[in-house]
Structure formats: C-alpha cells, structure tokens
Amino acid sequence: VSLTNLDQPLFDGAEATKRDLVDYLDAVRDRIIP
C-alpha cells in the first residue's frame, strides 16, 4: 500500500499527523481487525 503525505496534520486540533494515524492502526491491527 502506497502511503502518502504522512507528515500532514490529521485535522485541526488532532495533535497528530497522518503518520501517527497509520502507525497506530498498524500497531493495533491484530486487535482491531478481529
């Protein structure tokens, strides 16, 4: 999967970037996918 613009802010007030979102989802994938 091509991941793009990872260092952009996620949304106003998110205090996180798109990379933070992707890294988090990847880290918890074995819990959230089930």
PDB file of all heavy atoms in Angstrom:
ATOM      1  N   VAL A   1       0.843  -1.191   0.000  1.00  0.00           N
ATOM      2  CA  VAL A   1       0.000   0.000   0.000  1.00  0.00           C
ATOM      3  C   VAL A   1       0.881   1.244   0.000  1.00  0.00           C
ATOM      4  O   VAL A   1       1.733   1.414   0.885  1.00  0.00           O
ATOM      5  CB  VAL A   1      -0.935   0.032   1.229  1.00  0.00           C
ATOM      6  CG1 VAL A   1      -1.782   1.299   1.229  1.00  0.00           C
ATOM      7  CG2 VAL A   1      -1.820  -1.200   1.249  1.00  0.00           C
ATOM      8  N   SER A   2       0.694   2.113  -0.982  1.00  0.00           N
ATOM      9  CA  SER A   2       1.424   3.368  -1.043  1.00  0.00           C
ATOM     10  C   SER A   2       0.816   4.357  -0.054  1.00  0.00           C
ATOM     11  O   SER A   2      -0.370   4.674  -0.136  1.00  0.00           O
ATOM     12  CB  SER A   2       1.365   3.950  -2.463  1.00  0.00           C
ATOM     13  OG  SER A   2       2.031   3.091  -3.376  1.00  0.00           O
ATOM     14  N   LEU A   3       1.622   4.829   0.865  1.00  0.00           N
ATOM     15  CA  LEU A   3       1.185   5.763   1.900  1.00  0.00           C
ATOM     16  C   LEU A   3       1.745   7.137   1.567  1.00  0.00           C
ATOM     17  O   LEU A   3       2.954   7.294   1.356  1.00  0.00           O
ATOM     18  CB  LEU A   3       1.663   5.300   3.274  1.00  0.00           C
ATOM     19  CG  LEU A   3       1.248   3.870   3.660  1.00  0.00           C
ATOM     20  CD1 LEU A   3       1.957   3.433   4.939  1.00  0.00           C
ATOM     21  CD2 LEU A   3      -0.259   3.787   3.828  1.00  0.00           C
ATOM     22  N   THR A   4       0.902   8.141   1.522  1.00  0.00           N
ATOM     23  CA  THR A   4       1.291   9.455   1.033  1.00  0.00           C
ATOM     24  C   THR A   4       0.999  10.548   2.049  1.00  0.00           C
ATOM     25  O   THR A   4       0.118  10.411   2.906  1.00  0.00           O
ATOM     26  CB  THR A   4       0.533   9.784  -0.271  1.00  0.00           C
ATOM     27  OG1 THR A   4      -0.877   9.733  -0.016  1.00  0.00           O
ATOM     28  CG2 THR A   4       0.867   8.777  -1.365  1.00  0.00           C
ATOM     29  N   ASN A   5       1.752  11.628   1.938  1.00  0.00           N
ATOM     30  CA  ASN A   5       1.522  12.833   2.762  1.00  0.00           C
ATOM     31  C   ASN A   5       1.449  12.506   4.246  1.00  0.00           C
ATOM     32  O   ASN A   5       0.603  13.029   4.983  1.00  0.00           O
ATOM     33  CB  ASN A   5       0.242  13.542   2.324  1.00  0.00           C
ATOM     34  CG  ASN A   5       0.272  13.940   0.855  1.00  0.00           C
ATOM     35  OD1 ASN A   5       1.256  14.489   0.378  1.00  0.00           O
ATOM     36  ND2 ASN A   5      -0.809  13.648   0.146  1.00  0.00           N
ATOM     37  N   LEU A   6       2.347  11.653   4.681  1.00  0.00           N
ATOM     38  CA  LEU A   6       2.259  11.141   6.045  1.00  0.00           C
ATOM     39  C   LEU A   6       2.517  12.192   7.118  1.00  0.00           C
ATOM     40  O   LEU A   6       2.082  12.026   8.261  1.00  0.00           O
ATOM     41  CB  LEU A   6       3.236   9.974   6.223  1.00  0.00           C
ATOM     42  CG  LEU A   6       2.858   8.694   5.471  1.00  0.00           C
ATOM     43  CD1 LEU A   6       3.965   7.658   5.594  1.00  0.00           C
ATOM     44  CD2 LEU A   6       1.539   8.127   5.986  1.00  0.00           C
ATOM     45  N   ASP A   7       3.217  13.248   6.770  1.00  0.00           N
ATOM     46  CA  ASP A   7       3.561  14.239   7.784  1.00  0.00           C
ATOM     47  C   ASP A   7       2.585  15.411   7.833  1.00  0.00           C
ATOM     48  O   ASP A   7       2.806  16.385   8.550  1.00  0.00           O
ATOM     49  CB  ASP A   7       4.991  14.745   7.553  1.00  0.00           C
ATOM     50  CG  ASP A   7       6.010  13.624   7.741  1.00  0.00           C
ATOM     51  OD1 ASP A   7       5.716  12.694   8.522  1.00  0.00           O
ATOM     52  OD2 ASP A   7       7.077  13.667   7.109  1.00  0.00           O
ATOM     53  N   GLN A   8       1.483  15.299   7.089  1.00  0.00           N
ATOM     54  CA  GLN A   8       0.454  16.332   7.173  1.00  0.00           C
ATOM     55  C   GLN A   8      -0.325  16.211   8.478  1.00  0.00           C
ATOM     56  O   GLN A   8      -0.552  15.106   8.971  1.00  0.00           O
ATOM     57  CB  GLN A   8      -0.534  16.213   6.006  1.00  0.00           C
ATOM     58  CG  GLN A   8      -0.001  16.652   4.670  1.00  0.00           C
ATOM     59  CD  GLN A   8      -1.081  16.601   3.594  1.00  0.00           C
ATOM     60  OE1 GLN A   8      -2.185  16.093   3.806  1.00  0.00           O
ATOM     61  NE2 GLN A   8      -0.750  17.132   2.421  1.00  0.00           N
ATOM     62  N   PRO A   9      -0.777  17.339   9.050  1.00  0.00           N
ATOM     63  CA  PRO A   9      -1.673  17.264  10.214  1.00  0.00           C
ATOM     64  C   PRO A   9      -2.933  16.471   9.859  1.00  0.00           C
ATOM     65  O   PRO A   9      -3.433  16.549   8.739  1.00  0.00           O
ATOM     66  CB  PRO A   9      -2.006  18.729  10.502  1.00  0.00           C
ATOM     67  CG  PRO A   9      -0.888  19.499   9.894  1.00  0.00           C
ATOM     68  CD  PRO A   9      -0.474  18.731   8.675  1.00  0.00           C
ATOM     69  N   LEU A  10      -3.418  15.710  10.809  1.00  0.00           N
ATOM     70  CA  LEU A  10      -4.570  14.846  10.548  1.00  0.00           C
ATOM     71  C   LEU A  10      -5.850  15.670  10.373  1.00  0.00           C
ATOM     72  O   LEU A  10      -6.632  15.462   9.447  1.00  0.00           O
ATOM     73  CB  LEU A  10      -4.723  13.842  11.691  1.00  0.00           C
ATOM     74  CG  LEU A  10      -5.521  12.576  11.446  1.00  0.00           C
ATOM     75  CD1 LEU A  10      -5.060  11.858  10.185  1.00  0.00           C
ATOM     76  CD2 LEU A  10      -5.425  11.647  12.652  1.00  0.00           C
ATOM     77  N   PHE A  11      -6.084  16.606  11.280  1.00  0.00           N
ATOM     78  CA  PHE A  11      -7.198  17.563  11.183  1.00  0.00           C
ATOM     79  C   PHE A  11      -6.936  18.647  12.220  1.00  0.00           C
ATOM     80  O   PHE A  11      -6.051  18.492  13.083  1.00  0.00           O
ATOM     81  CB  PHE A  11      -8.565  16.893  11.395  1.00  0.00           C
ATOM     82  CG  PHE A  11      -8.695  16.126  12.692  1.00  0.00           C
ATOM     83  CD1 PHE A  11      -9.104  16.744  13.866  1.00  0.00           C
ATOM     84  CD2 PHE A  11      -8.424  14.759  12.731  1.00  0.00           C
ATOM     85  CE1 PHE A  11      -9.223  16.042  15.055  1.00  0.00           C
ATOM     86  CE2 PHE A  11      -8.549  14.041  13.915  1.00  0.00           C
ATOM     87  CZ  PHE A  11      -8.941  14.687  15.078  1.00  0.00           C
ATOM     88  N   ASP A  12      -7.652  19.722  12.162  1.00  0.00           N
ATOM     89  CA  ASP A  12      -7.462  20.805  13.121  1.00  0.00           C
ATOM     90  C   ASP A  12      -7.727  20.306  14.537  1.00  0.00           C
ATOM     91  O   ASP A  12      -8.791  19.755  14.827  1.00  0.00           O
ATOM     92  CB  ASP A  12      -8.399  21.981  12.810  1.00  0.00           C
ATOM     93  CG  ASP A  12      -8.007  22.728  11.549  1.00  0.00           C
ATOM     94  OD1 ASP A  12      -6.856  22.557  11.095  1.00  0.00           O
ATOM     95  OD2 ASP A  12      -8.844  23.481  11.021  1.00  0.00           O
ATOM     96  N   GLY A  13      -6.739  20.500  15.403  1.00  0.00           N
ATOM     97  CA  GLY A  13      -6.889  20.075  16.791  1.00  0.00           C
ATOM     98  C   GLY A  13      -6.546  18.624  17.041  1.00  0.00           C
ATOM     99  O   GLY A  13      -6.670  18.135  18.173  1.00  0.00           O
ATOM    100  N   ALA A  14      -6.094  17.907  16.020  1.00  0.00           N
ATOM    101  CA  ALA A  14      -5.809  16.480  16.181  1.00  0.00           C
ATOM    102  C   ALA A  14      -4.597  16.216  17.063  1.00  0.00           C
ATOM    103  O   ALA A  14      -4.506  15.167  17.709  1.00  0.00           O
ATOM    104  CB  ALA A  14      -5.589  15.838  14.815  1.00  0.00           C
ATOM    105  N   GLU A  15      -3.647  17.152  17.059  1.00  0.00           N
ATOM    106  CA  GLU A  15      -2.370  16.953  17.758  1.00  0.00           C
ATOM    107  C   GLU A  15      -1.703  15.670  17.270  1.00  0.00           C
ATOM    108  O   GLU A  15      -1.044  14.954  18.032  1.00  0.00           O
ATOM    109  CB  GLU A  15      -2.579  16.922  19.278  1.00  0.00           C
ATOM    110  CG  GLU A  15      -3.182  18.191  19.840  1.00  0.00           C
ATOM    111  CD  GLU A  15      -3.479  18.111  21.317  1.00  0.00           C
ATOM    112  OE1 GLU A  15      -2.931  17.207  21.987  1.00  0.00           O
ATOM    113  OE2 GLU A  15      -4.283  18.937  21.808  1.00  0.00           O
ATOM    114  N   ALA A  16      -1.907  15.368  15.995  1.00  0.00           N
ATOM    115  CA  ALA A  16      -1.369  14.149  15.397  1.00  0.00           C
ATOM    116  C   ALA A  16      -1.282  14.346  13.888  1.00  0.00           C
ATOM    117  O   ALA A  16      -2.023  15.152  13.308  1.00  0.00           O
ATOM    118  CB  ALA A  16      -2.251  12.944  15.712  1.00  0.00           C
ATOM    119  N   THR A  17      -0.386  13.598  13.273  1.00  0.00           N
ATOM    120  CA  THR A  17      -0.244  13.615  11.828  1.00  0.00           C
ATOM    121  C   THR A  17      -0.885  12.368  11.225  1.00  0.00           C
ATOM    122  O   THR A  17      -1.272  11.442  11.936  1.00  0.00           O
ATOM    123  CB  THR A  17       1.238  13.641  11.426  1.00  0.00           C
ATOM    124  OG1 THR A  17       1.850  12.413  11.891  1.00  0.00           O
ATOM    125  CG2 THR A  17       1.963  14.836  12.044  1.00  0.00           C
ATOM    126  N   LYS A  18      -0.949  12.373   9.903  1.00  0.00           N
ATOM    127  CA  LYS A  18      -1.438  11.179   9.219  1.00  0.00           C
ATOM    128  C   LYS A  18      -0.529   9.988   9.520  1.00  0.00           C
ATOM    129  O   LYS A  18      -1.007   8.851   9.650  1.00  0.00           O
ATOM    130  CB  LYS A  18      -1.512  11.444   7.715  1.00  0.00           C
ATOM    131  CG  LYS A  18      -2.111  10.309   6.902  1.00  0.00           C
ATOM    132  CD  LYS A  18      -2.217  10.698   5.437  1.00  0.00           C
ATOM    133  CE  LYS A  18      -2.623   9.529   4.560  1.00  0.00           C
ATOM    134  NZ  LYS A  18      -2.645   9.893   3.128  1.00  0.00           N
ATOM    135  N   ARG A  19       0.768  10.231   9.675  1.00  0.00           N
ATOM    136  CA  ARG A  19       1.686   9.146  10.044  1.00  0.00           C
ATOM    137  C   ARG A  19       1.313   8.553  11.398  1.00  0.00           C
ATOM    138  O   ARG A  19       1.333   7.328  11.586  1.00  0.00           O
ATOM    139  CB  ARG A  19       3.124   9.661  10.078  1.00  0.00           C
ATOM    140  CG  ARG A  19       4.153   8.561  10.407  1.00  0.00           C
ATOM    141  CD  ARG A  19       5.561   9.134  10.555  1.00  0.00           C
ATOM    142  NE  ARG A  19       5.990   9.800   9.321  1.00  0.00           N
ATOM    143  CZ  ARG A  19       6.461   9.154   8.256  1.00  0.00           C
ATOM    144  NH1 ARG A  19       6.533   7.827   8.270  1.00  0.00           N
ATOM    145  NH2 ARG A  19       6.851   9.828   7.206  1.00  0.00           N
ATOM    146  N   ASP A  20       0.956   9.421  12.352  1.00  0.00           N
ATOM    147  CA  ASP A  20       0.546   8.922  13.670  1.00  0.00           C
ATOM    148  C   ASP A  20      -0.661   7.992  13.544  1.00  0.00           C
ATOM    149  O   ASP A  20      -0.732   6.954  14.227  1.00  0.00           O
ATOM    150  CB  ASP A  20       0.204  10.082  14.605  1.00  0.00           C
ATOM    151  CG  ASP A  20       1.415  10.900  14.995  1.00  0.00           C
ATOM    152  OD1 ASP A  20       2.496  10.312  15.194  1.00  0.00           O
ATOM    153  OD2 ASP A  20       1.284  12.138  15.108  1.00  0.00           O
ATOM    154  N   LEU A  21      -1.623   8.370  12.693  1.00  0.00           N
ATOM    155  CA  LEU A  21      -2.803   7.531  12.486  1.00  0.00           C
ATOM    156  C   LEU A  21      -2.410   6.189  11.891  1.00  0.00           C
ATOM    157  O   LEU A  21      -2.816   5.129  12.404  1.00  0.00           O
ATOM    158  CB  LEU A  21      -3.791   8.237  11.551  1.00  0.00           C
ATOM    159  CG  LEU A  21      -4.979   7.378  11.084  1.00  0.00           C
ATOM    160  CD1 LEU A  21      -5.900   7.060  12.254  1.00  0.00           C
ATOM    161  CD2 LEU A  21      -5.740   8.075   9.958  1.00  0.00           C
ATOM    162  N   VAL A  22      -1.632   6.209  10.806  1.00  0.00           N
ATOM    163  CA  VAL A  22      -1.252   4.965  10.131  1.00  0.00           C
ATOM    164  C   VAL A  22      -0.414   4.084  11.059  1.00  0.00           C
ATOM    165  O   VAL A  22      -0.623   2.866  11.140  1.00  0.00           O
ATOM    166  CB  VAL A  22      -0.498   5.278   8.829  1.00  0.00           C
ATOM    167  CG1 VAL A  22       0.083   4.000   8.230  1.00  0.00           C
ATOM    168  CG2 VAL A  22      -1.430   5.952   7.824  1.00  0.00           C
ATOM    169  N   ASP A  23       0.537   4.696  11.765  1.00  0.00           N
ATOM    170  CA  ASP A  23       1.370   3.914  12.693  1.00  0.00           C
ATOM    171  C   ASP A  23       0.517   3.280  13.785  1.00  0.00           C
ATOM    172  O   ASP A  23       0.740   2.120  14.175  1.00  0.00           O
ATOM    173  CB  ASP A  23       2.432   4.805  13.326  1.00  0.00           C
ATOM    174  CG  ASP A  23       3.570   5.136  12.373  1.00  0.00           C
ATOM    175  OD1 ASP A  23       3.655   4.499  11.299  1.00  0.00           O
ATOM    176  OD2 ASP A  23       4.382   6.028  12.719  1.00  0.00           O
ATOM    177  N   TYR A  24      -0.455   4.030  14.298  1.00  0.00           N
ATOM    178  CA  TYR A  24      -1.320   3.484  15.339  1.00  0.00           C
ATOM    179  C   TYR A  24      -2.146   2.309  14.800  1.00  0.00           C
ATOM    180  O   TYR A  24      -2.194   1.237  15.433  1.00  0.00           O
ATOM    181  CB  TYR A  24      -2.257   4.561  15.894  1.00  0.00           C
ATOM    182  CG  TYR A  24      -3.347   3.969  16.757  1.00  0.00           C
ATOM    183  CD1 TYR A  24      -3.068   3.521  18.051  1.00  0.00           C
ATOM    184  CD2 TYR A  24      -4.634   3.781  16.259  1.00  0.00           C
ATOM    185  CE1 TYR A  24      -4.053   2.918  18.827  1.00  0.00           C
ATOM    186  CE2 TYR A  24      -5.627   3.196  17.031  1.00  0.00           C
ATOM    187  CZ  TYR A  24      -5.324   2.761  18.306  1.00  0.00           C
ATOM    188  OH  TYR A  24      -6.292   2.149  19.059  1.00  0.00           O
ATOM    189  N   LEU A  25      -2.800   2.503  13.662  1.00  0.00           N
ATOM    190  CA  LEU A  25      -3.615   1.417  13.096  1.00  0.00           C
ATOM    191  C   LEU A  25      -2.769   0.174  12.839  1.00  0.00           C
ATOM    192  O   LEU A  25      -3.217  -0.953  13.098  1.00  0.00           O
ATOM    193  CB  LEU A  25      -4.282   1.886  11.804  1.00  0.00           C
ATOM    194  CG  LEU A  25      -5.359   2.972  11.940  1.00  0.00           C
ATOM    195  CD1 LEU A  25      -5.796   3.463  10.567  1.00  0.00           C
ATOM    196  CD2 LEU A  25      -6.567   2.452  12.724  1.00  0.00           C
ATOM    197  N   ASP A  26      -1.558   0.377  12.350  1.00  0.00           N
ATOM    198  CA  ASP A  26      -0.677  -0.758  12.084  1.00  0.00           C
ATOM    199  C   ASP A  26      -0.281  -1.462  13.378  1.00  0.00           C
ATOM    200  O   ASP A  26      -0.209  -2.688  13.444  1.00  0.00           O
ATOM    201  CB  ASP A  26       0.560  -0.274  11.330  1.00  0.00           C
ATOM    202  CG  ASP A  26       1.179  -1.335  10.436  1.00  0.00           C
ATOM    203  OD1 ASP A  26       0.541  -2.408  10.248  1.00  0.00           O
ATOM    204  OD2 ASP A  26       2.283  -1.110   9.917  1.00  0.00           O
ATOM    205  N   ALA A  27      -0.057  -0.671  14.431  1.00  0.00           N
ATOM    206  CA  ALA A  27       0.366  -1.250  15.707  1.00  0.00           C
ATOM    207  C   ALA A  27      -0.741  -2.071  16.365  1.00  0.00           C
ATOM    208  O   ALA A  27      -0.468  -3.069  17.043  1.00  0.00           O
ATOM    209  CB  ALA A  27       0.822  -0.138  16.649  1.00  0.00           C
ATOM    210  N   VAL A  28      -2.001  -1.657  16.166  1.00  0.00           N
ATOM    211  CA  VAL A  28      -3.113  -2.361  16.827  1.00  0.00           C
ATOM    212  C   VAL A  28      -3.865  -3.273  15.858  1.00  0.00           C
ATOM    213  O   VAL A  28      -4.955  -3.743  16.171  1.00  0.00           O
ATOM    214  CB  VAL A  28      -4.107  -1.374  17.489  1.00  0.00           C
ATOM    215  CG1 VAL A  28      -3.389  -0.522  18.524  1.00  0.00           C
ATOM    216  CG2 VAL A  28      -4.821  -0.518  16.460  1.00  0.00           C
ATOM    217  N   ARG A  29      -3.312  -3.537  14.696  1.00  0.00           N
ATOM    218  CA  ARG A  29      -4.046  -4.279  13.655  1.00  0.00           C
ATOM    219  C   ARG A  29      -4.531  -5.633  14.132  1.00  0.00           C
ATOM    220  O   ARG A  29      -5.615  -6.080  13.755  1.00  0.00           O
ATOM    221  CB  ARG A  29      -3.192  -4.431  12.405  1.00  0.00           C
ATOM    222  CG  ARG A  29      -1.929  -5.266  12.576  1.00  0.00           C
ATOM    223  CD  ARG A  29      -1.120  -5.316  11.279  1.00  0.00           C
ATOM    224  NE  ARG A  29       0.045  -6.176  11.370  1.00  0.00           N
ATOM    225  CZ  ARG A  29       1.249  -5.774  11.752  1.00  0.00           C
ATOM    226  NH1 ARG A  29       1.438  -4.508  12.115  1.00  0.00           N
ATOM    227  NH2 ARG A  29       2.266  -6.621  11.794  1.00  0.00           N
ATOM    228  N   ASP A  30      -3.739  -6.311  14.967  1.00  0.00           N
ATOM    229  CA  ASP A  30      -4.159  -7.637  15.424  1.00  0.00           C
ATOM    230  C   ASP A  30      -5.279  -7.569  16.452  1.00  0.00           C
ATOM    231  O   ASP A  30      -5.864  -8.599  16.788  1.00  0.00           O
ATOM    232  CB  ASP A  30      -2.968  -8.394  16.019  1.00  0.00           C
ATOM    233  CG  ASP A  30      -1.936  -8.761  14.963  1.00  0.00           C
ATOM    234  OD1 ASP A  30      -2.307  -8.840  13.775  1.00  0.00           O
ATOM    235  OD2 ASP A  30      -0.754  -8.949  15.316  1.00  0.00           O
ATOM    236  N   ARG A  31      -5.595  -6.381  16.955  1.00  0.00           N
ATOM    237  CA  ARG A  31      -6.725  -6.212  17.876  1.00  0.00           C
ATOM    238  C   ARG A  31      -7.949  -5.652  17.164  1.00  0.00           C
ATOM    239  O   ARG A  31      -9.071  -6.097  17.407  1.00  0.00           O
ATOM    240  CB  ARG A  31      -6.368  -5.268  19.020  1.00  0.00           C
ATOM    241  CG  ARG A  31      -5.393  -5.838  20.045  1.00  0.00           C
ATOM    242  CD  ARG A  31      -4.030  -5.334  19.773  1.00  0.00           C
ATOM    243  NE  ARG A  31      -3.098  -5.541  20.880  1.00  0.00           N
ATOM    244  CZ  ARG A  31      -1.794  -5.327  20.772  1.00  0.00           C
ATOM    245  NH1 ARG A  31      -1.280  -4.893  19.628  1.00  0.00           N
ATOM    246  NH2 ARG A  31      -0.987  -5.527  21.790  1.00  0.00           N
ATOM    247  N   ILE A  32      -7.740  -4.659  16.281  1.00  0.00           N
ATOM    248  CA  ILE A  32      -8.902  -4.009  15.665  1.00  0.00           C
ATOM    249  C   ILE A  32      -9.471  -4.818  14.510  1.00  0.00           C
ATOM    250  O   ILE A  32     -10.694  -4.839  14.310  1.00  0.00           O
ATOM    251  CB  ILE A  32      -8.565  -2.561  15.217  1.00  0.00           C
ATOM    252  CG1 ILE A  32      -9.856  -1.810  14.894  1.00  0.00           C
ATOM    253  CG2 ILE A  32      -7.600  -2.536  14.044  1.00  0.00           C
ATOM    254  CD1 ILE A  32      -9.665  -0.319  14.661  1.00  0.00           C
ATOM    255  N   ILE A  33      -8.622  -5.520  13.748  1.00  0.00           N
ATOM    256  CA  ILE A  33      -9.159  -6.289  12.611  1.00  0.00           C
ATOM    257  C   ILE A  33     -10.153  -7.359  13.067  1.00  0.00           C
ATOM    258  O   ILE A  33     -11.199  -7.528  12.427  1.00  0.00           O
ATOM    259  CB  ILE A  33      -8.013  -6.879  11.772  1.00  0.00           C
ATOM    260  CG1 ILE A  33      -7.298  -5.752  11.003  1.00  0.00           C
ATOM    261  CG2 ILE A  33      -8.539  -7.920  10.782  1.00  0.00           C
ATOM    262  CD1 ILE A  33      -6.054  -6.189  10.255  1.00  0.00           C
ATOM    263  N   PRO A  34      -9.917  -8.083  14.165  1.00  0.00           N
ATOM    264  CA  PRO A  34     -10.919  -9.071  14.591  1.00  0.00           C
ATOM    265  C   PRO A  34     -12.291  -8.470  14.901  1.00  0.00           C
ATOM    266  O   PRO A  34     -13.302  -9.151  14.722  1.00  0.00           O
ATOM    267  CB  PRO A  34     -10.289  -9.688  15.851  1.00  0.00           C
ATOM    268  CG  PRO A  34      -8.824  -9.557  15.627  1.00  0.00           C
ATOM    269  CD  PRO A  34      -8.661  -8.218  14.939  1.00  0.00           C
TER     270      PRO A  34
END
